[in-house]
Structure formats: C-alpha cells, structure tokens
Amino acid sequence: PFNELGGLRDLSPRSPPRWLAFRERRGLVGPATWEAGHSYAIVDVEVEPQSGDSQLTPEERYRLNWGRGDRFGTNLTMTPQDQVPPKKMTGERLEDSWPGTCSGDELYSFLQKWDGRHYDASPANNRNCHHFMQELIHQCTANRGFDEGSEE
C-alpha cells in the first residue's frame, strides 16, 4: 500500500527502535529488545518417524512462543502451525525468513534452556520475547541476533 514511498514502504512501528539501535549497521537481524509488540517464531522441522509410529509426518511446522504464560500456564509454548502469516504492513505478519542451521538436538537444547525461565517485559533483564527471538536467530540460523558478549 505504500509503494509510492520507495524505501519507506516497509516502515513499521518496529522500525525506529531498530534504527536507533543500529541493528542493521551492526549486522544484526530480528527484533530490538525494547521495541513494542510481540515476537514469535515459526519453525519447519523434519521429523524422523519412529518405527511403528505412523502419526508423525516428515515435515511439521510449529509456532514457538515465549510469553507471559497467561493462556497456557507456561512461558514457552510450541503449537502446530498450519501456515506462515503473509508479509504485510499491520497485524500478524511475517517479518522475515532465515534458513535454519540447528539439528533437532540443538533446537531441543535451546528450548530446554528457555523452558522454565520467568518472563520479564523489561529489555534490561534479557527475558522478553525479543530476547528469545534474538537468541533463536543467533543459535539456529547463519545470522546474528545479538552482539556477542552483550545481548541488546
């Protein structure tokens, strides 16, 4: 809808925090820790069926959500997801897509590390949904979600 704006056509409420944090200049992708809104991941995984288990399909898609746990009683949820949201300006939308590099064991280890942590909306405490996304991007793609030694 904003194609006439050229480079500004992708402007969103999340853009200013990323610009102010110089994320692109620093080679970082994904959310800034102090931006508004909620971030979650959609991951496609290849599942190796166990012998005699016909219910598992070779590829499955899940939504990994790190949040307050009000709805599910836990801060980390992994729910089946049928489709990826479209790329659009507002509402639930796909921000970007990065090929995964994690093995199943590495992804499981990552999720175990976050399971049981307490959610904290403060960007200073490294426990909000944006930190979850930064670390997932950092550990399970070829991209950098945060600067080594200092999570943003």
N, C-alpha and C. Protein backbone atom coordinates (compact mmCIF):
# COMPACT_ATOMS: atom_id res chain seq x y z
N PRO A 1 0.80 -1.22 0.00
CA PRO A 1 0.00 0.00 0.00
C PRO A 1 0.84 1.27 0.00
N PHE A 2 2.09 1.20 0.42
CA PHE A 2 2.93 2.39 0.48
C PHE A 2 4.05 2.33 -0.55
N ASN A 3 3.82 1.70 -1.70
CA ASN A 3 4.87 1.55 -2.70
C ASN A 3 5.40 2.90 -3.19
N GLU A 4 4.55 3.94 -3.15
CA GLU A 4 5.00 5.26 -3.60
C GLU A 4 6.04 5.87 -2.66
N LEU A 5 6.23 5.28 -1.49
CA LEU A 5 7.21 5.81 -0.52
C LEU A 5 8.61 5.27 -0.74
N GLY A 6 8.78 4.42 -1.73
CA GLY A 6 10.11 3.88 -2.00
C GLY A 6 10.63 3.07 -0.83
N GLY A 7 11.81 3.42 -0.31
CA GLY A 7 12.44 2.69 0.79
C GLY A 7 11.66 2.74 2.08
N LEU A 8 10.74 3.70 2.21
CA LEU A 8 9.95 3.81 3.43
C LEU A 8 8.68 2.95 3.40
N ARG A 9 8.46 2.22 2.30
CA ARG A 9 7.24 1.42 2.20
C ARG A 9 7.19 0.32 3.25
N ASP A 10 8.34 -0.07 3.80
CA ASP A 10 8.37 -1.12 4.81
C ASP A 10 8.43 -0.57 6.22
N LEU A 11 8.18 0.73 6.37
CA LEU A 11 8.20 1.36 7.69
C LEU A 11 7.12 0.75 8.56
N SER A 12 7.48 0.40 9.77
CA SER A 12 6.52 -0.12 10.72
C SER A 12 6.84 0.49 12.08
N PRO A 13 5.96 0.31 13.07
CA PRO A 13 6.26 0.84 14.40
C PRO A 13 7.53 0.24 14.99
N ARG A 14 7.96 -0.89 14.45
CA ARG A 14 9.18 -1.53 14.96
C ARG A 14 10.45 -0.96 14.33
N SER A 15 10.31 -0.20 13.26
CA SER A 15 11.49 0.32 12.58
C SER A 15 12.32 1.28 13.41
N PRO A 16 11.73 2.31 14.05
CA PRO A 16 12.57 3.26 14.80
C PRO A 16 13.46 2.63 15.87
N PRO A 17 12.97 1.68 16.71
CA PRO A 17 13.89 1.08 17.67
C PRO A 17 15.07 0.36 17.01
N ARG A 18 14.82 -0.25 15.88
CA ARG A 18 15.91 -0.95 15.19
C ARG A 18 16.90 0.04 14.60
N TRP A 19 16.39 1.15 14.07
CA TRP A 19 17.29 2.17 13.54
C TRP A 19 18.12 2.78 14.66
N LEU A 20 17.46 3.11 15.77
CA LEU A 20 18.16 3.74 16.89
C LEU A 20 19.19 2.81 17.53
N ALA A 21 18.99 1.51 17.42
CA ALA A 21 19.94 0.54 17.96
C ALA A 21 21.00 0.17 16.92
N PHE A 22 20.92 0.75 15.73
CA PHE A 22 21.87 0.47 14.64
C PHE A 22 22.00 -1.03 14.36
N ARG A 23 20.87 -1.76 14.45
CA ARG A 23 20.92 -3.21 14.29
C ARG A 23 21.44 -3.62 12.90
N GLU A 24 20.94 -2.99 11.86
CA GLU A 24 21.38 -3.37 10.52
C GLU A 24 22.85 -3.05 10.32
N ARG A 25 23.28 -1.89 10.76
CA ARG A 25 24.69 -1.49 10.62
C ARG A 25 25.61 -2.44 11.37
N ARG A 26 25.12 -2.99 12.49
CA ARG A 26 25.91 -3.92 13.29
C ARG A 26 25.80 -5.36 12.79
N GLY A 27 25.05 -5.56 11.68
CA GLY A 27 24.92 -6.89 11.11
C GLY A 27 23.94 -7.78 11.86
N LEU A 28 23.00 -7.18 12.57
CA LEU A 28 22.03 -7.95 13.36
C LEU A 28 20.69 -7.98 12.66
N VAL A 29 19.97 -9.08 12.84
CA VAL A 29 18.63 -9.21 12.28
C VAL A 29 17.66 -9.51 13.42
N GLY A 30 16.38 -9.35 13.12
CA GLY A 30 15.36 -9.63 14.12
C GLY A 30 15.06 -8.42 14.97
N PRO A 31 14.27 -8.63 16.03
CA PRO A 31 13.76 -7.50 16.82
C PRO A 31 14.80 -6.89 17.74
N ALA A 32 14.63 -5.59 17.99
CA ALA A 32 15.37 -4.93 19.07
C ALA A 32 14.66 -5.30 20.37
N THR A 33 15.40 -5.41 21.45
CA THR A 33 14.81 -5.90 22.70
C THR A 33 13.77 -4.96 23.27
N TRP A 34 13.84 -3.69 22.95
CA TRP A 34 12.96 -2.71 23.58
C TRP A 34 11.87 -2.20 22.66
N GLU A 35 11.62 -2.89 21.54
CA GLU A 35 10.55 -2.43 20.67
C GLU A 35 9.20 -2.93 21.16
N ALA A 36 8.14 -2.29 20.70
CA ALA A 36 6.78 -2.66 21.08
C ALA A 36 6.33 -3.87 20.28
N GLY A 37 5.31 -4.53 20.77
CA GLY A 37 4.75 -5.66 20.04
C GLY A 37 5.30 -6.98 20.55
N HIS A 38 4.79 -8.05 19.98
CA HIS A 38 5.18 -9.40 20.40
C HIS A 38 5.85 -10.11 19.24
N SER A 39 6.90 -10.85 19.54
CA SER A 39 7.61 -11.63 18.53
C SER A 39 7.51 -13.11 18.86
N TYR A 40 7.37 -13.92 17.85
CA TYR A 40 7.40 -15.37 17.99
C TYR A 40 8.02 -15.94 16.72
N ALA A 41 8.36 -17.21 16.76
CA ALA A 41 8.99 -17.86 15.61
C ALA A 41 8.09 -18.94 15.06
N ILE A 42 8.18 -19.13 13.77
CA ILE A 42 7.56 -20.28 13.13
C ILE A 42 8.71 -21.10 12.55
N VAL A 43 8.78 -22.35 12.96
CA VAL A 43 9.87 -23.21 12.50
C VAL A 43 9.30 -24.42 11.77
N ASP A 44 9.97 -24.78 10.70
CA ASP A 44 9.66 -26.01 9.98
C ASP A 44 10.71 -27.03 10.40
N VAL A 45 10.26 -28.18 10.85
CA VAL A 45 11.18 -29.23 11.31
C VAL A 45 10.94 -30.50 10.52
N GLU A 46 12.01 -31.23 10.30
CA GLU A 46 11.92 -32.55 9.70
C GLU A 46 11.92 -33.56 10.82
N VAL A 47 10.93 -34.43 10.82
CA VAL A 47 10.77 -35.40 11.89
C VAL A 47 11.06 -36.79 11.34
N GLU A 48 11.89 -37.52 12.06
CA GLU A 48 12.15 -38.90 11.69
C GLU A 48 11.17 -39.79 12.43
N PRO A 49 10.23 -40.42 11.71
CA PRO A 49 9.26 -41.27 12.39
C PRO A 49 9.94 -42.46 13.06
N GLN A 50 9.47 -42.77 14.26
CA GLN A 50 9.97 -43.95 14.94
C GLN A 50 9.26 -45.16 14.36
N SER A 51 9.90 -46.29 14.44
CA SER A 51 9.29 -47.49 13.85
C SER A 51 7.92 -47.74 14.46
N GLY A 52 6.95 -47.97 13.61
CA GLY A 52 5.59 -48.24 14.05
C GLY A 52 4.77 -47.00 14.36
N ASP A 53 5.36 -45.81 14.27
CA ASP A 53 4.63 -44.57 14.57
C ASP A 53 4.24 -43.91 13.26
N SER A 54 2.99 -44.09 12.86
CA SER A 54 2.55 -43.55 11.58
C SER A 54 1.92 -42.17 11.70
N GLN A 55 1.82 -41.62 12.92
CA GLN A 55 1.18 -40.32 13.10
C GLN A 55 2.12 -39.15 12.79
N LEU A 56 3.40 -39.36 12.81
CA LEU A 56 4.33 -38.28 12.53
C LEU A 56 4.53 -38.14 11.03
N THR A 57 4.58 -36.91 10.57
CA THR A 57 4.85 -36.65 9.16
C THR A 57 6.30 -36.21 9.02
N PRO A 58 6.88 -36.35 7.85
CA PRO A 58 8.29 -35.99 7.68
C PRO A 58 8.59 -34.51 7.95
N GLU A 59 7.66 -33.61 7.63
CA GLU A 59 7.87 -32.19 7.90
C GLU A 59 6.69 -31.64 8.67
N GLU A 60 7.00 -30.89 9.71
CA GLU A 60 5.96 -30.28 10.52
C GLU A 60 6.32 -28.83 10.79
N ARG A 61 5.32 -28.02 10.99
CA ARG A 61 5.52 -26.58 11.26
C ARG A 61 4.97 -26.27 12.64
N TYR A 62 5.77 -25.51 13.42
CA TYR A 62 5.36 -25.15 14.77
C TYR A 62 5.57 -23.65 15.02
N ARG A 63 4.75 -23.13 15.89
CA ARG A 63 4.90 -21.76 16.38
C ARG A 63 5.56 -21.87 17.75
N LEU A 64 6.74 -21.26 17.88
CA LEU A 64 7.46 -21.19 19.15
C LEU A 64 7.16 -19.83 19.75
N ASN A 65 6.55 -19.84 20.90
CA ASN A 65 6.12 -18.60 21.53
C ASN A 65 6.70 -18.49 22.93
N TRP A 66 7.33 -17.39 23.19
CA TRP A 66 7.83 -17.09 24.53
C TRP A 66 7.04 -15.89 25.02
N GLY A 67 6.26 -16.10 26.07
CA GLY A 67 5.41 -15.01 26.55
C GLY A 67 5.08 -15.17 28.01
N ARG A 68 4.06 -14.51 28.43
CA ARG A 68 3.71 -14.45 29.85
C ARG A 68 3.13 -15.73 30.41
N GLY A 69 2.65 -16.60 29.60
CA GLY A 69 2.10 -17.85 30.10
C GLY A 69 0.70 -17.73 30.65
N ASP A 70 0.06 -16.58 30.47
CA ASP A 70 -1.29 -16.39 31.00
C ASP A 70 -2.28 -17.39 30.39
N ARG A 71 -2.12 -17.65 29.13
CA ARG A 71 -3.08 -18.50 28.42
C ARG A 71 -2.79 -19.99 28.60
N PHE A 72 -1.52 -20.37 28.60
CA PHE A 72 -1.16 -21.78 28.60
C PHE A 72 -0.54 -22.26 29.92
N GLY A 73 -0.26 -21.36 30.85
CA GLY A 73 0.32 -21.76 32.12
C GLY A 73 1.81 -22.01 32.05
N THR A 74 2.42 -21.73 30.93
CA THR A 74 3.87 -21.86 30.78
C THR A 74 4.35 -20.73 29.88
N ASN A 75 5.58 -20.30 30.07
CA ASN A 75 6.10 -19.21 29.25
C ASN A 75 6.52 -19.66 27.86
N LEU A 76 6.84 -20.93 27.69
CA LEU A 76 7.27 -21.44 26.40
C LEU A 76 6.22 -22.39 25.86
N THR A 77 5.69 -22.06 24.68
CA THR A 77 4.74 -22.96 24.04
C THR A 77 5.21 -23.30 22.64
N MET A 78 4.87 -24.51 22.23
CA MET A 78 5.20 -25.00 20.89
C MET A 78 3.92 -25.62 20.37
N THR A 79 3.25 -24.92 19.45
CA THR A 79 1.97 -25.39 18.95
C THR A 79 2.04 -25.59 17.44
N PRO A 80 1.33 -26.59 16.92
CA PRO A 80 1.32 -26.79 15.46
C PRO A 80 0.80 -25.54 14.76
N GLN A 81 1.37 -25.24 13.61
CA GLN A 81 1.00 -24.06 12.83
C GLN A 81 0.78 -24.51 11.40
N ASP A 82 -0.39 -24.23 10.86
CA ASP A 82 -0.69 -24.67 9.51
C ASP A 82 0.01 -23.86 8.43
N GLN A 83 0.05 -22.54 8.61
CA GLN A 83 0.63 -21.71 7.55
C GLN A 83 1.43 -20.55 8.14
N VAL A 84 2.25 -19.98 7.30
CA VAL A 84 3.05 -18.82 7.67
C VAL A 84 2.23 -17.57 7.37
N PRO A 85 2.17 -16.62 8.31
CA PRO A 85 1.42 -15.38 8.03
C PRO A 85 2.02 -14.65 6.82
N PRO A 86 1.19 -13.89 6.10
CA PRO A 86 1.69 -13.17 4.94
C PRO A 86 2.57 -11.99 5.35
N LYS A 87 3.42 -11.54 4.42
CA LYS A 87 4.18 -10.31 4.63
C LYS A 87 3.23 -9.16 4.35
N LYS A 88 2.95 -8.35 5.36
CA LYS A 88 2.08 -7.19 5.19
C LYS A 88 2.45 -6.14 6.21
N MET A 89 1.82 -4.99 6.14
CA MET A 89 2.21 -3.86 6.99
C MET A 89 1.74 -3.98 8.44
N THR A 90 0.54 -4.47 8.66
CA THR A 90 -0.01 -4.45 10.01
C THR A 90 -0.53 -5.81 10.41
N GLY A 91 -0.82 -5.96 11.69
CA GLY A 91 -1.38 -7.21 12.20
C GLY A 91 -0.36 -8.32 12.26
N GLU A 92 -0.86 -9.53 12.41
CA GLU A 92 0.04 -10.68 12.45
C GLU A 92 0.65 -10.85 11.07
N ARG A 93 1.98 -10.84 11.02
CA ARG A 93 2.64 -10.85 9.72
C ARG A 93 4.01 -11.50 9.80
N LEU A 94 4.47 -11.95 8.66
CA LEU A 94 5.82 -12.49 8.53
C LEU A 94 6.79 -11.33 8.42
N GLU A 95 7.78 -11.33 9.29
CA GLU A 95 8.79 -10.28 9.22
C GLU A 95 9.89 -10.66 8.25
N ASP A 96 10.39 -11.85 8.40
CA ASP A 96 11.49 -12.30 7.54
C ASP A 96 11.60 -13.81 7.67
N SER A 97 12.44 -14.39 6.84
CA SER A 97 12.63 -15.83 6.84
C SER A 97 14.13 -16.11 6.73
N TRP A 98 14.61 -16.97 7.61
CA TRP A 98 16.02 -17.34 7.59
C TRP A 98 16.13 -18.86 7.61
N PRO A 99 16.93 -19.44 6.73
CA PRO A 99 17.11 -20.90 6.76
C PRO A 99 17.72 -21.33 8.09
N GLY A 100 17.18 -22.41 8.65
CA GLY A 100 17.68 -22.91 9.92
C GLY A 100 18.96 -23.72 9.76
N THR A 101 19.78 -23.70 10.80
CA THR A 101 21.03 -24.45 10.80
C THR A 101 21.11 -25.41 11.98
N CYS A 102 20.10 -25.43 12.84
CA CYS A 102 20.11 -26.27 14.04
C CYS A 102 19.74 -27.71 13.69
N SER A 103 20.41 -28.62 14.38
CA SER A 103 19.94 -30.01 14.35
C SER A 103 18.76 -30.11 15.31
N GLY A 104 18.08 -31.21 15.28
CA GLY A 104 16.99 -31.42 16.23
C GLY A 104 17.47 -31.35 17.67
N ASP A 105 18.63 -31.93 17.93
CA ASP A 105 19.19 -31.90 19.29
C ASP A 105 19.53 -30.48 19.72
N GLU A 106 20.06 -29.68 18.80
CA GLU A 106 20.41 -28.29 19.14
C GLU A 106 19.15 -27.46 19.41
N LEU A 107 18.11 -27.64 18.59
CA LEU A 107 16.87 -26.92 18.83
C LEU A 107 16.25 -27.35 20.15
N TYR A 108 16.26 -28.64 20.42
CA TYR A 108 15.71 -29.16 21.68
C TYR A 108 16.48 -28.58 22.87
N SER A 109 17.78 -28.54 22.77
CA SER A 109 18.61 -27.97 23.84
C SER A 109 18.29 -26.49 24.05
N PHE A 110 18.11 -25.76 22.95
CA PHE A 110 17.74 -24.34 23.04
C PHE A 110 16.42 -24.18 23.77
N LEU A 111 15.42 -24.97 23.39
CA LEU A 111 14.10 -24.87 24.01
C LEU A 111 14.15 -25.28 25.49
N GLN A 112 14.95 -26.29 25.81
CA GLN A 112 15.10 -26.68 27.22
C GLN A 112 15.71 -25.55 28.04
N LYS A 113 16.66 -24.84 27.44
CA LYS A 113 17.30 -23.71 28.13
C LYS A 113 16.29 -22.63 28.49
N TRP A 114 15.34 -22.37 27.59
CA TRP A 114 14.34 -21.32 27.83
C TRP A 114 13.16 -21.82 28.65
N ASP A 115 12.88 -23.13 28.62
CA ASP A 115 11.75 -23.66 29.37
C ASP A 115 11.99 -23.46 30.87
N GLY A 116 11.00 -22.93 31.55
CA GLY A 116 11.12 -22.71 32.99
C GLY A 116 11.63 -21.34 33.37
N ARG A 117 12.15 -20.59 32.40
CA ARG A 117 12.58 -19.22 32.70
C ARG A 117 11.35 -18.37 33.00
N HIS A 118 11.56 -17.32 33.72
CA HIS A 118 10.47 -16.40 34.04
C HIS A 118 10.46 -15.26 33.03
N TYR A 119 9.28 -14.95 32.52
CA TYR A 119 9.11 -13.86 31.57
C TYR A 119 9.29 -12.53 32.29
N ASP A 120 9.94 -11.60 31.62
CA ASP A 120 10.12 -10.25 32.15
C ASP A 120 10.08 -9.30 30.97
N ALA A 121 9.12 -8.39 30.95
CA ALA A 121 8.96 -7.47 29.82
C ALA A 121 10.09 -6.46 29.72
N SER A 122 10.84 -6.26 30.79
CA SER A 122 11.92 -5.27 30.78
C SER A 122 13.03 -5.72 29.83
N PRO A 123 13.43 -4.84 28.90
CA PRO A 123 14.51 -5.21 28.00
C PRO A 123 15.85 -5.39 28.70
N ALA A 124 16.00 -4.86 29.90
CA ALA A 124 17.28 -4.93 30.61
C ALA A 124 17.55 -6.31 31.21
N ASN A 125 16.53 -7.15 31.32
CA ASN A 125 16.70 -8.42 32.03
C ASN A 125 16.85 -9.64 31.13
N ASN A 126 16.91 -9.42 29.81
CA ASN A 126 17.14 -10.50 28.83
C ASN A 126 16.16 -11.66 28.95
N ARG A 127 14.88 -11.35 29.22
CA ARG A 127 13.90 -12.42 29.35
C ARG A 127 12.57 -12.08 28.68
N ASN A 128 12.57 -11.22 27.67
CA ASN A 128 11.31 -10.96 26.97
C ASN A 128 11.29 -11.70 25.63
N CYS A 129 10.19 -11.60 24.91
CA CYS A 129 10.03 -12.36 23.67
C CYS A 129 11.07 -11.96 22.62
N HIS A 130 11.50 -10.72 22.65
CA HIS A 130 12.50 -10.27 21.67
C HIS A 130 13.86 -10.90 21.95
N HIS A 131 14.20 -11.08 23.23
CA HIS A 131 15.44 -11.79 23.57
C HIS A 131 15.37 -13.25 23.09
N PHE A 132 14.22 -13.87 23.29
CA PHE A 132 14.01 -15.24 22.82
C PHE A 132 14.29 -15.32 21.32
N MET A 133 13.71 -14.39 20.56
CA MET A 133 13.90 -14.39 19.11
C MET A 133 15.35 -14.12 18.74
N GLN A 134 15.98 -13.15 19.41
CA GLN A 134 17.39 -12.85 19.10
C GLN A 134 18.26 -14.09 19.29
N GLU A 135 18.04 -14.78 20.40
CA GLU A 135 18.87 -15.95 20.68
C GLU A 135 18.56 -17.10 19.72
N LEU A 136 17.29 -17.29 19.37
CA LEU A 136 16.93 -18.32 18.41
C LEU A 136 17.57 -18.04 17.05
N ILE A 137 17.48 -16.81 16.60
CA ILE A 137 18.11 -16.42 15.33
C ILE A 137 19.61 -16.65 15.40
N HIS A 138 20.22 -16.24 16.51
CA HIS A 138 21.66 -16.34 16.69
C HIS A 138 22.14 -17.79 16.70
N GLN A 139 21.40 -18.66 17.38
CA GLN A 139 21.85 -20.04 17.56
C GLN A 139 21.40 -20.99 16.46
N CYS A 140 20.30 -20.67 15.80
CA CYS A 140 19.73 -21.65 14.86
C CYS A 140 19.63 -21.17 13.42
N THR A 141 20.31 -20.07 13.10
CA THR A 141 20.43 -19.63 11.70
C THR A 141 21.87 -19.17 11.49
N ALA A 142 22.19 -18.81 10.28
CA ALA A 142 23.53 -18.30 9.98
C ALA A 142 23.63 -16.80 10.27
N ASN A 143 22.58 -16.21 10.83
CA ASN A 143 22.53 -14.78 11.10
C ASN A 143 22.85 -14.49 12.56
N ARG A 144 23.08 -13.19 12.83
CA ARG A 144 23.36 -12.77 14.20
C ARG A 144 22.13 -12.05 14.76
N GLY A 145 21.66 -12.50 15.92
CA GLY A 145 20.53 -11.87 16.58
C GLY A 145 20.94 -10.85 17.62
N PHE A 146 22.18 -10.97 18.12
CA PHE A 146 22.69 -10.03 19.12
C PHE A 146 24.20 -10.01 19.02
N ASP A 147 24.81 -8.97 19.62
CA ASP A 147 26.27 -8.86 19.65
C ASP A 147 26.81 -9.84 20.68
N GLU A 148 27.86 -10.55 20.34
CA GLU A 148 28.50 -11.47 21.28
C GLU A 148 28.93 -10.72 22.53
N GLY A 149 28.64 -11.29 23.67
CA GLY A 149 29.09 -10.67 24.93
C GLY A 149 28.14 -9.66 25.50
N SER A 150 27.20 -9.15 24.69
CA SER A 150 26.25 -8.19 25.24
C SER A 150 24.95 -8.27 24.45
N GLU A 151 23.99 -8.98 25.02
CA GLU A 151 22.69 -9.04 24.35
C GLU A 151 22.07 -7.66 24.44
N GLU A 152 21.49 -7.22 23.34
CA GLU A 152 20.93 -5.87 23.25
C GLU A 152 19.68 -5.76 24.08
